[in-house]
Amino acid sequence: MRVAFVKKGGTFFAKLIRLWTWGAYSHAEIVFHDGSMFSSDEADGGSRFIPGPKPGIEYDYLDITTTAEMNQRVLDFCQRENGCKYDMRGIAFSFLPVPIGLQSADRWFCSEVCVAALQQIGYMVGHTPSSVSPNALYKLLSKELSV
């Protein structure tokens, strides 16, 4: 399993996220062994699976060593959350100078749903999903994987 981080390309909104969160990444996706990807994307209306990387988008990846059982737990979580709407309000209020951290039960933004998915297999434990931007996810997960 991998986590993909979008570093170039995308919409004006993607550029705004990179600027606002002071980093190179605007989006994150869970990547399964078959190459399919899961996340929540504002441009796609919310949580969804896609068959693979979008053309014209540049990604960096972090590899996560997982078992078949771990992959299934993440896949089961993603299937349950598939079709949830994009959490525009949550992202807006989570990254203010004084974050409010609103979390919706049926809406996700990209890094939030990725953190929640990774928590199903023991990664990112102790982090509130709605408080983690794509850039923070990259830094936190890189650190966790290097231990």
Protein backbone atom coordinates (compact mmCIF):
# COMPACT_ATOMS: atom_id res chain seq x y z
CA MET A 1 0.00 0.00 0.00
CA ARG A 2 1.10 3.54 -0.65
CA VAL A 3 -0.01 7.06 0.03
CA ALA A 4 0.24 9.39 -2.95
CA PHE A 5 0.77 13.13 -2.54
CA VAL A 6 -0.05 15.54 -5.37
CA LYS A 7 2.74 18.06 -5.73
CA LYS A 8 2.03 19.78 -9.03
CA GLY A 9 -0.98 20.36 -11.19
CA GLY A 10 -4.56 20.63 -10.17
CA THR A 11 -7.02 23.43 -9.79
CA PHE A 12 -6.79 26.90 -8.33
CA PHE A 13 -8.09 25.31 -5.12
CA ALA A 14 -5.11 22.91 -5.10
CA LYS A 15 -2.70 25.80 -5.44
CA LEU A 16 -4.48 27.59 -2.61
CA ILE A 17 -4.10 24.54 -0.33
CA ARG A 18 -0.35 24.34 -1.04
CA LEU A 19 0.00 28.03 -0.25
CA TRP A 20 -2.21 28.00 2.86
CA THR A 21 -0.54 24.90 4.38
CA TRP A 22 3.01 26.06 3.55
CA GLY A 23 4.05 22.99 1.63
CA ALA A 24 4.50 21.19 -1.63
CA TYR A 25 1.37 19.01 -1.44
CA SER A 26 -2.25 19.82 -2.18
CA HIS A 27 -3.88 16.39 -2.08
CA ALA A 28 -3.40 12.85 -0.72
CA GLU A 29 -4.69 9.45 -1.88
CA ILE A 30 -4.52 5.90 -0.54
CA VAL A 31 -3.07 3.63 -3.28
CA PHE A 32 -3.94 -0.07 -3.21
CA HIS A 33 -1.79 -2.87 -4.61
CA ASP A 34 -3.90 -3.04 -7.79
CA GLY A 35 -3.12 0.65 -8.46
CA SER A 36 -6.60 1.91 -7.61
CA MET A 37 -6.75 5.01 -5.46
CA PHE A 38 -9.15 6.28 -2.81
CA SER A 39 -9.58 9.72 -1.33
CA SER A 40 -11.96 12.63 -1.20
CA ASP A 41 -11.55 15.21 -3.92
CA GLU A 42 -13.30 18.55 -4.24
CA ALA A 43 -13.17 18.31 -8.04
CA ASP A 44 -14.87 14.88 -7.97
CA GLY A 45 -17.50 15.88 -5.40
CA GLY A 46 -16.26 13.79 -2.50
CA SER A 47 -15.00 10.34 -1.52
CA ARG A 48 -14.39 8.02 -4.45
CA PHE A 49 -12.22 5.33 -5.95
CA ILE A 50 -10.33 6.03 -9.17
CA PRO A 51 -8.54 3.37 -11.27
CA GLY A 52 -5.13 5.03 -11.01
CA PRO A 53 -3.21 8.29 -11.11
CA LYS A 54 -4.85 11.15 -12.96
CA PRO A 55 -3.02 12.18 -16.16
CA GLY A 56 -0.93 15.33 -15.91
CA ILE A 57 -0.63 15.19 -12.12
CA GLU A 58 2.76 14.75 -10.45
CA TYR A 59 2.87 12.58 -7.30
CA ASP A 60 5.30 11.68 -4.53
CA TYR A 61 4.69 8.39 -2.73
CA LEU A 62 5.25 6.91 0.72
CA ASP A 63 5.25 3.11 0.80
CA ILE A 64 3.63 1.32 3.73
CA THR A 65 4.38 -2.33 4.43
CA THR A 66 1.06 -4.07 5.01
CA THR A 67 -0.37 -7.55 5.23
CA ALA A 68 -3.36 -8.79 3.23
CA GLU A 69 -5.50 -8.41 6.36
CA MET A 70 -4.38 -4.79 6.82
CA ASN A 71 -5.13 -4.03 3.16
CA GLN A 72 -8.60 -5.49 3.59
CA ARG A 73 -9.32 -3.38 6.68
CA VAL A 74 -8.36 -0.20 4.81
CA LEU A 75 -10.36 -1.29 1.76
CA ASP A 76 -13.42 -2.06 3.92
CA PHE A 77 -13.18 1.40 5.52
CA CYS A 78 -12.84 3.09 2.11
CA GLN A 79 -15.81 1.16 0.71
CA ARG A 80 -17.95 2.30 3.68
CA GLU A 81 -16.94 5.94 3.11
CA ASN A 82 -17.20 5.81 -0.69
CA GLY A 83 -19.70 8.37 -1.96
CA CYS A 84 -19.50 10.73 1.03
CA LYS A 85 -19.54 14.40 0.06
CA TYR A 86 -16.47 16.65 0.12
CA ASP A 87 -16.01 18.49 3.43
CA MET A 88 -15.44 22.06 2.27
CA ARG A 89 -16.57 23.51 5.59
CA GLY A 90 -14.30 21.16 7.50
CA ILE A 91 -11.24 22.09 5.48
CA ALA A 92 -12.02 25.78 5.77
CA PHE A 93 -12.32 25.66 9.56
CA SER A 94 -9.49 23.17 10.19
CA PHE A 95 -6.66 25.29 8.86
CA LEU A 96 -7.43 28.73 10.23
CA PRO A 97 -4.78 30.46 12.38
CA VAL A 98 -6.82 29.18 15.33
CA PRO A 99 -8.25 25.90 13.98
CA ILE A 100 -11.81 25.05 14.95
CA GLY A 101 -11.50 21.49 13.67
CA LEU A 102 -15.08 20.79 12.61
CA GLN A 103 -15.51 17.15 11.71
CA SER A 104 -18.53 15.85 9.84
CA ALA A 105 -19.74 12.28 10.18
CA ASP A 106 -20.55 12.01 6.46
CA ARG A 107 -18.13 14.39 4.72
CA TRP A 108 -14.37 14.17 4.20
CA PHE A 109 -11.48 16.11 2.74
CA CYS A 110 -8.53 14.21 1.27
CA SER A 111 -5.96 14.04 4.05
CA GLU A 112 -8.70 13.63 6.67
CA VAL A 113 -10.07 10.45 5.06
CA CYS A 114 -6.52 9.15 4.44
CA VAL A 115 -5.61 9.58 8.12
CA ALA A 116 -8.84 7.86 9.20
CA ALA A 117 -8.13 4.99 6.76
CA LEU A 118 -4.56 4.59 8.03
CA GLN A 119 -5.80 4.56 11.62
CA GLN A 120 -7.65 1.33 10.73
CA ILE A 121 -4.24 -0.38 10.60
CA GLY A 122 -2.42 1.38 13.43
CA TYR A 123 -0.84 4.34 11.63
CA MET A 124 -1.46 8.00 12.53
CA VAL A 125 -2.91 6.97 15.88
CA GLY A 126 -3.35 9.93 18.20
CA HIS A 127 -3.90 12.43 15.39
CA THR A 128 -7.28 14.02 14.81
CA PRO A 129 -7.95 13.37 11.11
CA SER A 130 -9.57 16.76 10.53
CA SER A 131 -6.47 18.57 11.76
CA VAL A 132 -4.05 16.98 9.27
CA SER A 133 -3.35 18.70 5.95
CA PRO A 134 -1.73 16.84 3.03
CA ASN A 135 1.61 18.45 3.96
CA ALA A 136 1.26 17.48 7.63
CA LEU A 137 0.29 13.94 6.60
CA TYR A 138 3.44 13.63 4.51
CA LYS A 139 5.65 14.86 7.36
CA LEU A 140 3.95 12.84 10.11
CA LEU A 141 3.75 9.63 8.11
CA SER A 142 7.35 9.96 6.89
CA LYS A 143 8.47 10.27 10.49
CA GLU A 144 6.31 7.34 11.60
CA LEU A 145 7.63 5.11 8.79
CA SER A 146 11.26 5.94 9.57
CA VAL A 147 11.04 4.82 13.21
